[in-house]
Amino acid sequence: MNKNIGVCGLDCSKCDCYQATVKDDDSLREKTARKWEKEYSHPGINPEDLNCLGCNSEGPWYEHCFKCSYRLCAKEKNLTSCSQCEDYPCEAIVKFHSQVPGTKENCEAARN
Protein backbone atom coordinates (compact mmCIF):
# COMPACT_ATOMS: atom_id res chain seq x y z
CA MET A 1 0.00 0.00 0.00
CA ASN A 2 1.29 3.43 -0.92
CA LYS A 3 1.93 5.07 2.43
CA ASN A 4 0.62 8.36 1.04
CA ILE A 5 -2.84 6.83 0.60
CA GLY A 6 -4.78 7.17 3.82
CA VAL A 7 -6.69 4.30 5.36
CA CYS A 8 -9.92 5.79 3.96
CA GLY A 9 -8.50 6.05 0.44
CA LEU A 10 -7.71 9.75 0.61
CA ASP A 11 -4.48 10.60 -1.23
CA CYS A 12 -2.56 12.32 1.58
CA SER A 13 0.15 13.46 -0.83
CA LYS A 14 -2.39 15.78 -2.50
CA CYS A 15 -3.31 17.44 0.81
CA ASP A 16 -2.07 21.00 1.28
CA CYS A 17 -1.04 20.23 4.85
CA TYR A 18 1.08 17.30 3.65
CA GLN A 19 2.63 19.45 0.92
CA ALA A 20 3.43 22.22 3.39
CA THR A 21 5.11 19.70 5.69
CA VAL A 22 7.19 18.04 2.98
CA LYS A 23 8.27 21.40 1.55
CA ASP A 24 8.53 23.06 5.00
CA ASP A 25 6.53 25.90 3.45
CA ASP A 26 5.19 28.35 6.03
CA SER A 27 3.37 30.43 3.41
CA LEU A 28 1.47 27.31 2.29
CA ARG A 29 0.65 26.55 5.92
CA GLU A 30 -0.79 30.06 6.30
CA LYS A 31 -2.75 29.81 3.04
CA THR A 32 -4.08 26.38 4.00
CA ALA A 33 -5.13 27.52 7.47
CA ARG A 34 -7.18 30.38 6.01
CA LYS A 35 -8.66 28.11 3.34
CA TRP A 36 -9.66 25.43 5.84
CA GLU A 37 -11.16 28.01 8.20
CA LYS A 38 -13.57 28.98 5.42
CA GLU A 39 -14.18 25.55 3.88
CA TYR A 40 -14.69 23.69 7.14
CA SER A 41 -16.08 26.51 9.30
CA HIS A 42 -13.24 25.95 11.74
CA PRO A 43 -11.94 29.38 12.82
CA GLY A 44 -8.62 29.83 14.53
CA ILE A 45 -6.51 27.22 12.76
CA ASN A 46 -2.92 27.84 13.74
CA PRO A 47 -0.66 27.54 10.65
CA GLU A 48 2.16 26.19 12.84
CA ASP A 49 -0.06 23.18 13.60
CA LEU A 50 -0.30 22.20 9.94
CA ASN A 51 2.23 19.40 9.90
CA CYS A 52 1.35 15.95 8.59
CA LEU A 53 3.08 13.20 6.64
CA GLY A 54 -0.03 11.09 6.06
CA CYS A 55 -2.02 8.78 8.27
CA ASN A 56 0.04 5.69 7.46
CA SER A 57 3.28 7.44 8.38
CA GLU A 58 4.85 7.53 11.81
CA GLY A 59 3.76 11.18 12.02
CA PRO A 60 3.57 14.01 12.46
CA TRP A 61 -0.18 14.21 11.94
CA TYR A 62 -2.56 17.12 11.81
CA GLU A 63 -4.93 17.32 14.81
CA HIS A 64 -7.86 15.89 12.84
CA CYS A 65 -5.83 12.80 11.99
CA PHE A 66 -5.35 12.00 15.69
CA LYS A 67 -9.11 11.64 16.09
CA CYS A 68 -10.06 10.41 12.60
CA SER A 69 -12.46 7.50 13.10
CA TYR A 70 -11.17 5.68 10.01
CA ARG A 71 -7.52 5.92 11.06
CA LEU A 72 -8.31 4.91 14.64
CA CYS A 73 -10.39 1.93 13.53
CA ALA A 74 -7.71 0.72 11.12
CA LYS A 75 -4.98 1.20 13.73
CA GLU A 76 -6.99 -0.81 16.27
CA LYS A 77 -7.27 -3.62 13.72
CA ASN A 78 -3.62 -3.26 12.63
CA LEU A 79 -4.62 -2.37 9.06
CA THR A 80 -3.23 0.20 6.63
CA SER A 81 -6.45 0.46 4.61
CA CYS A 82 -10.15 0.18 5.32
CA SER A 83 -10.28 -2.15 2.32
CA GLN A 84 -8.30 -4.75 4.28
CA CYS A 85 -11.05 -4.98 6.91
CA GLU A 86 -13.38 -7.98 7.02
CA ASP A 87 -16.27 -5.48 7.39
CA TYR A 88 -15.34 -3.52 4.24
CA PRO A 89 -17.25 -1.73 2.99
CA CYS A 90 -18.88 -0.59 6.22
CA GLU A 91 -21.66 2.00 6.26
CA ALA A 92 -19.31 4.79 7.37
CA ILE A 93 -16.75 4.26 4.61
CA VAL A 94 -19.47 3.92 1.96
CA LYS A 95 -20.80 7.33 3.00
CA PHE A 96 -17.29 8.84 2.98
CA HIS A 97 -16.52 7.41 -0.44
CA SER A 98 -19.75 8.87 -1.81
CA GLN A 99 -18.68 12.33 -0.61
CA VAL A 100 -15.00 12.33 -1.58
CA PRO A 101 -14.17 11.47 -5.21
CA GLY A 102 -11.31 9.04 -5.81
CA THR A 103 -11.23 7.57 -2.32
CA LYS A 104 -13.20 4.44 -3.20
CA GLU A 105 -10.94 3.76 -6.17
CA ASN A 106 -7.84 4.13 -3.98
CA CYS A 107 -9.28 1.70 -1.41
CA GLU A 108 -10.22 -0.76 -4.13
CA ALA A 109 -6.70 -0.58 -5.55
CA ALA A 110 -5.30 -1.40 -2.10
CA ARG A 111 -7.71 -4.33 -1.85
CA ASN A 112 -6.60 -5.89 -5.15
C-alpha atoms as a PDB file:
ATOM      1  CA  MET A   1       0.000   0.000   0.000  1.00  0.00           C
ATOM      2  CA  ASN A   2       1.286   3.431  -0.916  1.00  0.00           C
ATOM      3  CA  LYS A   3       1.932   5.071   2.433  1.00  0.00           C
ATOM      4  CA  ASN A   4       0.620   8.358   1.037  1.00  0.00           C
ATOM      5  CA  ILE A   5      -2.838   6.834   0.595  1.00  0.00           C
ATOM      6  CA  GLY A   6      -4.776   7.173   3.820  1.00  0.00           C
ATOM      7  CA  VAL A   7      -6.687   4.303   5.355  1.00  0.00           C
ATOM      8  CA  CYS A   8      -9.918   5.790   3.958  1.00  0.00           C
ATOM      9  CA  GLY A   9      -8.502   6.051   0.442  1.00  0.00           C
ATOM     10  CA  LEU A  10      -7.705   9.753   0.606  1.00  0.00           C
ATOM     11  CA  ASP A  11      -4.479  10.601  -1.230  1.00  0.00           C
ATOM     12  CA  CYS A  12      -2.561  12.315   1.580  1.00  0.00           C
ATOM     13  CA  SER A  13       0.154  13.462  -0.830  1.00  0.00           C
ATOM     14  CA  LYS A  14      -2.390  15.781  -2.497  1.00  0.00           C
ATOM     15  CA  CYS A  15      -3.308  17.435   0.809  1.00  0.00           C
ATOM     16  CA  ASP A  16      -2.071  21.004   1.281  1.00  0.00           C
ATOM     17  CA  CYS A  17      -1.036  20.225   4.853  1.00  0.00           C
ATOM     18  CA  TYR A  18       1.075  17.296   3.645  1.00  0.00           C
ATOM     19  CA  GLN A  19       2.625  19.448   0.917  1.00  0.00           C
ATOM     20  CA  ALA A  20       3.432  22.225   3.393  1.00  0.00           C
ATOM     21  CA  THR A  21       5.110  19.702   5.691  1.00  0.00           C
ATOM     22  CA  VAL A  22       7.186  18.042   2.984  1.00  0.00           C
ATOM     23  CA  LYS A  23       8.265  21.399   1.549  1.00  0.00           C
ATOM     24  CA  ASP A  24       8.531  23.063   4.996  1.00  0.00           C
ATOM     25  CA  ASP A  25       6.528  25.901   3.448  1.00  0.00           C
ATOM     26  CA  ASP A  26       5.191  28.345   6.031  1.00  0.00           C
ATOM     27  CA  SER A  27       3.373  30.432   3.412  1.00  0.00           C
ATOM     28  CA  LEU A  28       1.471  27.315   2.286  1.00  0.00           C
ATOM     29  CA  ARG A  29       0.653  26.546   5.924  1.00  0.00           C
ATOM     30  CA  GLU A  30      -0.787  30.056   6.302  1.00  0.00           C
ATOM     31  CA  LYS A  31      -2.748  29.815   3.043  1.00  0.00           C
ATOM     32  CA  THR A  32      -4.085  26.376   4.003  1.00  0.00           C
ATOM     33  CA  ALA A  33      -5.127  27.518   7.471  1.00  0.00           C
ATOM     34  CA  ARG A  34      -7.181  30.381   6.009  1.00  0.00           C
ATOM     35  CA  LYS A  35      -8.664  28.112   3.336  1.00  0.00           C
ATOM     36  CA  TRP A  36      -9.665  25.433   5.845  1.00  0.00           C
ATOM     37  CA  GLU A  37     -11.158  28.013   8.201  1.00  0.00           C
ATOM     38  CA  LYS A  38     -13.572  28.983   5.418  1.00  0.00           C
ATOM     39  CA  GLU A  39     -14.178  25.550   3.878  1.00  0.00           C
ATOM     40  CA  TYR A  40     -14.686  23.687   7.142  1.00  0.00           C
ATOM     41  CA  SER A  41     -16.080  26.512   9.295  1.00  0.00           C
ATOM     42  CA  HIS A  42     -13.244  25.955  11.735  1.00  0.00           C
ATOM     43  CA  PRO A  43     -11.937  29.377  12.817  1.00  0.00           C
ATOM     44  CA  GLY A  44      -8.618  29.834  14.533  1.00  0.00           C
ATOM     45  CA  ILE A  45      -6.511  27.222  12.762  1.00  0.00           C
ATOM     46  CA  ASN A  46      -2.917  27.837  13.736  1.00  0.00           C
ATOM     47  CA  PRO A  47      -0.659  27.539  10.649  1.00  0.00           C
ATOM     48  CA  GLU A  48       2.161  26.193  12.839  1.00  0.00           C
ATOM     49  CA  ASP A  49      -0.060  23.180  13.603  1.00  0.00           C
ATOM     50  CA  LEU A  50      -0.301  22.202   9.943  1.00  0.00           C
ATOM     51  CA  ASN A  51       2.233  19.397   9.904  1.00  0.00           C
ATOM     52  CA  CYS A  52       1.351  15.950   8.595  1.00  0.00           C
ATOM     53  CA  LEU A  53       3.081  13.199   6.644  1.00  0.00           C
ATOM     54  CA  GLY A  54      -0.030  11.086   6.064  1.00  0.00           C
ATOM     55  CA  CYS A  55      -2.015   8.784   8.275  1.00  0.00           C
ATOM     56  CA  ASN A  56       0.036   5.694   7.464  1.00  0.00           C
ATOM     57  CA  SER A  57       3.276   7.445   8.381  1.00  0.00           C
ATOM     58  CA  GLU A  58       4.851   7.535  11.814  1.00  0.00           C
ATOM     59  CA  GLY A  59       3.756  11.180  12.022  1.00  0.00           C
ATOM     60  CA  PRO A  60       3.574  14.012  12.456  1.00  0.00           C
ATOM     61  CA  TRP A  61      -0.176  14.209  11.941  1.00  0.00           C
ATOM     62  CA  TYR A  62      -2.556  17.123  11.809  1.00  0.00           C
ATOM     63  CA  GLU A  63      -4.925  17.322  14.809  1.00  0.00           C
ATOM     64  CA  HIS A  64      -7.861  15.890  12.842  1.00  0.00           C
ATOM     65  CA  CYS A  65      -5.827  12.800  11.985  1.00  0.00           C
ATOM     66  CA  PHE A  66      -5.351  12.002  15.688  1.00  0.00           C
ATOM     67  CA  LYS A  67      -9.105  11.641  16.093  1.00  0.00           C
ATOM     68  CA  CYS A  68     -10.056  10.414  12.599  1.00  0.00           C
ATOM     69  CA  SER A  69     -12.457   7.498  13.104  1.00  0.00           C
ATOM     70  CA  TYR A  70     -11.169   5.681  10.006  1.00  0.00           C
ATOM     71  CA  ARG A  71      -7.515   5.920  11.063  1.00  0.00           C
ATOM     72  CA  LEU A  72      -8.307   4.911  14.645  1.00  0.00           C
ATOM     73  CA  CYS A  73     -10.393   1.926  13.532  1.00  0.00           C
ATOM     74  CA  ALA A  74      -7.707   0.724  11.124  1.00  0.00           C
ATOM     75  CA  LYS A  75      -4.978   1.202  13.729  1.00  0.00           C
ATOM     76  CA  GLU A  76      -6.987  -0.807  16.274  1.00  0.00           C
ATOM     77  CA  LYS A  77      -7.268  -3.622  13.720  1.00  0.00           C
ATOM     78  CA  ASN A  78      -3.619  -3.265  12.632  1.00  0.00           C
ATOM     79  CA  LEU A  79      -4.623  -2.372   9.061  1.00  0.00           C
ATOM     80  CA  THR A  80      -3.233   0.201   6.634  1.00  0.00           C
ATOM     81  CA  SER A  81      -6.447   0.461   4.605  1.00  0.00           C
ATOM     82  CA  CYS A  82     -10.150   0.179   5.324  1.00  0.00           C
ATOM     83  CA  SER A  83     -10.281  -2.151   2.324  1.00  0.00           C
ATOM     84  CA  GLN A  84      -8.296  -4.751   4.283  1.00  0.00           C
ATOM     85  CA  CYS A  85     -11.050  -4.984   6.908  1.00  0.00           C
ATOM     86  CA  GLU A  86     -13.379  -7.977   7.015  1.00  0.00           C
ATOM     87  CA  ASP A  87     -16.268  -5.485   7.394  1.00  0.00           C
ATOM     88  CA  TYR A  88     -15.339  -3.523   4.235  1.00  0.00           C
ATOM     89  CA  PRO A  89     -17.254  -1.727   2.989  1.00  0.00           C
ATOM     90  CA  CYS A  90     -18.878  -0.592   6.217  1.00  0.00           C
ATOM     91  CA  GLU A  91     -21.658   2.003   6.256  1.00  0.00           C
ATOM     92  CA  ALA A  92     -19.307   4.785   7.372  1.00  0.00           C
ATOM     93  CA  ILE A  93     -16.749   4.262   4.607  1.00  0.00           C
ATOM     94  CA  VAL A  94     -19.469   3.924   1.956  1.00  0.00           C
ATOM     95  CA  LYS A  95     -20.801   7.334   3.003  1.00  0.00           C
ATOM     96  CA  PHE A  96     -17.294   8.844   2.985  1.00  0.00           C
ATOM     97  CA  HIS A  97     -16.518   7.407  -0.444  1.00  0.00           C
ATOM     98  CA  SER A  98     -19.754   8.868  -1.813  1.00  0.00           C
ATOM     99  CA  GLN A  99     -18.678  12.325  -0.612  1.00  0.00           C
ATOM    100  CA  VAL A 100     -15.000  12.332  -1.584  1.00  0.00           C
ATOM    101  CA  PRO A 101     -14.168  11.474  -5.208  1.00  0.00           C
ATOM    102  CA  GLY A 102     -11.314   9.043  -5.811  1.00  0.00           C
ATOM    103  CA  THR A 103     -11.231   7.569  -2.321  1.00  0.00           C
ATOM    104  CA  LYS A 104     -13.198   4.439  -3.195  1.00  0.00           C
ATOM    105  CA  GLU A 105     -10.941   3.758  -6.172  1.00  0.00           C
ATOM    106  CA  ASN A 106      -7.842   4.127  -3.980  1.00  0.00           C
ATOM    107  CA  CYS A 107      -9.283   1.699  -1.408  1.00  0.00           C
ATOM    108  CA  GLU A 108     -10.224  -0.762  -4.134  1.00  0.00           C
ATOM    109  CA  ALA A 109      -6.701  -0.577  -5.554  1.00  0.00           C
ATOM    110  CA  ALA A 110      -5.303  -1.397  -2.096  1.00  0.00           C
ATOM    111  CA  ARG A 111      -7.713  -4.329  -1.854  1.00  0.00           C
ATOM    112  CA  ASN A 112      -6.596  -5.895  -5.146  1.00  0.00           C
END
